[in-house]
Amino acid sequence: MNEFLILIHDDLATAVLSEAIEASTQLFRDWIGSITVQDKFVNLPKIWDLESHIVRQNQEKPNELLTERRKSIGGLFLIKAKDYKEAVAIAKGCPALRYGAVIEIRMAIE
């Protein structure tokens, strides 16, 4: 089994997504539960606050989001899967997709 990072990207242009996710917390709990029952769930990092510090060469800007990308990370966690095909199949069950989120999948390199 390989480990895959699942990144859920929210579109900052649509502020509805965060509210929709909050309203559907049980859908996410159920989805994570189904991954856990299959013994595919590895780790769910702690929840972080909305404050952000962007560091560039010779410059730091507190509370700045990377709005030029117009995306925000709405969630991330690790899963186990045989390959990308299986990881994609698991990611397709994410409730955030219903609200316009984009999911990025990356395999850990050992």
C-alpha atoms as a PDB file:
ATOM      1  CA  MET A   1       0.000   0.000   0.000  1.00  0.00           C
ATOM      2  CA  ASN A   2       1.079   3.535  -0.754  1.00  0.00           C
ATOM      3  CA  GLU A   3       0.180   6.676   1.161  1.00  0.00           C
ATOM      4  CA  PHE A   4      -1.587   9.505  -0.644  1.00  0.00           C
ATOM      5  CA  LEU A   5      -2.128  13.091   0.413  1.00  0.00           C
ATOM      6  CA  ILE A   6      -5.669  14.287  -0.254  1.00  0.00           C
ATOM      7  CA  LEU A   7      -5.904  18.091  -0.548  1.00  0.00           C
ATOM      8  CA  ILE A   8      -9.347  19.663  -0.758  1.00  0.00           C
ATOM      9  CA  HIS A   9      -9.139  23.050  -2.508  1.00  0.00           C
ATOM     10  CA  ASP A  10     -11.896  25.622  -2.025  1.00  0.00           C
ATOM     11  CA  ASP A  11     -12.416  28.338  -4.615  1.00  0.00           C
ATOM     12  CA  LEU A  12     -12.101  31.709  -2.863  1.00  0.00           C
ATOM     13  CA  ALA A  13     -14.330  33.247  -5.528  1.00  0.00           C
ATOM     14  CA  THR A  14     -17.249  31.242  -4.134  1.00  0.00           C
ATOM     15  CA  ALA A  15     -17.549  31.901  -0.417  1.00  0.00           C
ATOM     16  CA  VAL A  16     -20.466  29.481  -0.323  1.00  0.00           C
ATOM     17  CA  LEU A  17     -18.214  26.427  -0.137  1.00  0.00           C
ATOM     18  CA  SER A  18     -17.005  26.884   3.448  1.00  0.00           C
ATOM     19  CA  GLU A  19     -20.534  27.464   4.680  1.00  0.00           C
ATOM     20  CA  ALA A  20     -21.791  24.460   2.748  1.00  0.00           C
ATOM     21  CA  ILE A  21     -19.074  22.262   4.222  1.00  0.00           C
ATOM     22  CA  GLU A  22     -19.906  23.430   7.743  1.00  0.00           C
ATOM     23  CA  ALA A  23     -23.569  22.655   7.105  1.00  0.00           C
ATOM     24  CA  SER A  24     -22.714  19.143   5.913  1.00  0.00           C
ATOM     25  CA  THR A  25     -20.269  18.080   8.623  1.00  0.00           C
ATOM     26  CA  GLN A  26     -22.046  14.755   9.066  1.00  0.00           C
ATOM     27  CA  LEU A  27     -21.473  13.910   5.376  1.00  0.00           C
ATOM     28  CA  PHE A  28     -17.736  14.351   5.909  1.00  0.00           C
ATOM     29  CA  ARG A  29     -17.753  12.305   9.100  1.00  0.00           C
ATOM     30  CA  ASP A  30     -19.561   9.510   7.277  1.00  0.00           C
ATOM     31  CA  TRP A  31     -17.130   9.653   4.346  1.00  0.00           C
ATOM     32  CA  ILE A  32     -14.059   9.590   6.619  1.00  0.00           C
ATOM     33  CA  GLY A  33     -15.711   6.774   8.591  1.00  0.00           C
ATOM     34  CA  SER A  34     -16.156   4.713   5.433  1.00  0.00           C
ATOM     35  CA  ILE A  35     -12.467   5.175   4.580  1.00  0.00           C
ATOM     36  CA  THR A  36     -11.504   4.176   8.138  1.00  0.00           C
ATOM     37  CA  VAL A  37     -13.659   1.013   8.059  1.00  0.00           C
ATOM     38  CA  GLN A  38     -11.788  -0.057   4.901  1.00  0.00           C
ATOM     39  CA  ASP A  39      -8.491   0.457   6.800  1.00  0.00           C
ATOM     40  CA  LYS A  40      -7.490   3.099   4.216  1.00  0.00           C
ATOM     41  CA  PHE A  41      -7.385   6.106   6.564  1.00  0.00           C
ATOM     42  CA  VAL A  42      -3.923   7.137   7.796  1.00  0.00           C
ATOM     43  CA  ASN A  43      -4.069  10.560   9.412  1.00  0.00           C
ATOM     44  CA  LEU A  44      -6.219  13.642   9.792  1.00  0.00           C
ATOM     45  CA  PRO A  45      -4.151  16.687  10.783  1.00  0.00           C
ATOM     46  CA  LYS A  46      -5.468  18.979  13.452  1.00  0.00           C
ATOM     47  CA  ILE A  47      -7.819  21.759  12.447  1.00  0.00           C
ATOM     48  CA  TRP A  48      -6.030  25.049  11.849  1.00  0.00           C
ATOM     49  CA  ASP A  49      -7.209  28.624  12.184  1.00  0.00           C
ATOM     50  CA  LEU A  50      -7.935  31.007   9.321  1.00  0.00           C
ATOM     51  CA  GLU A  51      -4.963  33.275  10.016  1.00  0.00           C
ATOM     52  CA  SER A  52      -2.184  33.013   7.484  1.00  0.00           C
ATOM     53  CA  HIS A  53       1.359  34.331   7.140  1.00  0.00           C
ATOM     54  CA  ILE A  54       2.842  34.417   3.668  1.00  0.00           C
ATOM     55  CA  VAL A  55       6.633  34.560   3.560  1.00  0.00           C
ATOM     56  CA  ARG A  56       8.506  35.665   0.472  1.00  0.00           C
ATOM     57  CA  GLN A  57      12.123  36.653   0.114  1.00  0.00           C
ATOM     58  CA  ASN A  58      12.678  39.724   2.349  1.00  0.00           C
ATOM     59  CA  GLN A  59       8.961  40.090   3.091  1.00  0.00           C
ATOM     60  CA  GLU A  60       6.308  38.706   5.421  1.00  0.00           C
ATOM     61  CA  LYS A  61       2.632  39.562   5.233  1.00  0.00           C
ATOM     62  CA  PRO A  62       0.434  38.480   8.150  1.00  0.00           C
ATOM     63  CA  ASN A  63      -3.163  37.514   7.374  1.00  0.00           C
ATOM     64  CA  GLU A  64      -2.607  37.441   3.612  1.00  0.00           C
ATOM     65  CA  LEU A  65      -4.087  34.608   1.603  1.00  0.00           C
ATOM     66  CA  LEU A  66      -2.637  33.487  -1.680  1.00  0.00           C
ATOM     67  CA  THR A  67      -5.548  35.035  -3.524  1.00  0.00           C
ATOM     68  CA  GLU A  68      -3.708  35.206  -6.803  1.00  0.00           C
ATOM     69  CA  ARG A  69      -4.370  31.469  -6.981  1.00  0.00           C
ATOM     70  CA  ARG A  70      -7.964  32.097  -5.852  1.00  0.00           C
ATOM     71  CA  LYS A  71      -7.855  28.796  -3.975  1.00  0.00           C
ATOM     72  CA  SER A  72      -7.670  27.874  -0.335  1.00  0.00           C
ATOM     73  CA  ILE A  73      -6.948  24.523   1.277  1.00  0.00           C
ATOM     74  CA  GLY A  74     -10.227  23.421   2.797  1.00  0.00           C
ATOM     75  CA  GLY A  75      -8.868  20.166   4.198  1.00  0.00           C
ATOM     76  CA  LEU A  76      -6.100  17.616   3.949  1.00  0.00           C
ATOM     77  CA  PHE A  77      -5.423  14.111   5.170  1.00  0.00           C
ATOM     78  CA  LEU A  78      -3.567  10.919   4.331  1.00  0.00           C
ATOM     79  CA  ILE A  79      -5.045   7.699   3.004  1.00  0.00           C
ATOM     80  CA  LYS A  80      -3.680   4.301   1.996  1.00  0.00           C
ATOM     81  CA  ALA A  81      -4.304   3.002  -1.508  1.00  0.00           C
ATOM     82  CA  LYS A  82      -2.751   0.506  -3.902  1.00  0.00           C
ATOM     83  CA  ASP A  83      -2.262   3.103  -6.641  1.00  0.00           C
ATOM     84  CA  TYR A  84      -3.568   6.387  -8.036  1.00  0.00           C
ATOM     85  CA  LYS A  85      -6.607   4.647  -9.498  1.00  0.00           C
ATOM     86  CA  GLU A  86      -7.742   3.479  -6.059  1.00  0.00           C
ATOM     87  CA  ALA A  87      -6.886   6.859  -4.454  1.00  0.00           C
ATOM     88  CA  VAL A  88      -8.979   8.649  -7.093  1.00  0.00           C
ATOM     89  CA  ALA A  89     -11.885   6.268  -6.456  1.00  0.00           C
ATOM     90  CA  ILE A  90     -11.752   7.101  -2.736  1.00  0.00           C
ATOM     91  CA  ALA A  91     -11.488  10.852  -3.432  1.00  0.00           C
ATOM     92  CA  LYS A  92     -14.541  10.750  -5.704  1.00  0.00           C
ATOM     93  CA  GLY A  93     -16.633  10.033  -2.616  1.00  0.00           C
ATOM     94  CA  CYS A  94     -15.683  13.353  -0.988  1.00  0.00           C
ATOM     95  CA  PRO A  95     -18.781  15.443  -0.214  1.00  0.00           C
ATOM     96  CA  ALA A  96     -16.870  18.676  -0.985  1.00  0.00           C
ATOM     97  CA  LEU A  97     -17.098  17.851  -4.693  1.00  0.00           C
ATOM     98  CA  ARG A  98     -20.835  18.540  -4.477  1.00  0.00           C
ATOM     99  CA  TYR A  99     -20.031  22.132  -3.515  1.00  0.00           C
ATOM    100  CA  GLY A 100     -17.467  22.895  -6.212  1.00  0.00           C
ATOM    101  CA  ALA A 101     -14.266  21.887  -4.452  1.00  0.00           C
ATOM    102  CA  VAL A 102     -11.317  20.455  -6.350  1.00  0.00           C
ATOM    103  CA  ILE A 103      -9.393  17.527  -4.903  1.00  0.00           C
ATOM    104  CA  GLU A 104      -5.667  17.137  -5.468  1.00  0.00           C
ATOM    105  CA  ILE A 105      -4.049  13.753  -4.847  1.00  0.00           C
ATOM    106  CA  ARG A 106      -0.320  13.229  -4.340  1.00  0.00           C
ATOM    107  CA  MET A 107       1.483   9.976  -3.627  1.00  0.00           C
ATOM    108  CA  ALA A 108       4.125   9.973  -0.898  1.00  0.00           C
ATOM    109  CA  ILE A 109       7.618   9.224  -2.156  1.00  0.00           C
ATOM    110  CA  GLU A 110       9.691   6.987   0.070  1.00  0.00           C
END
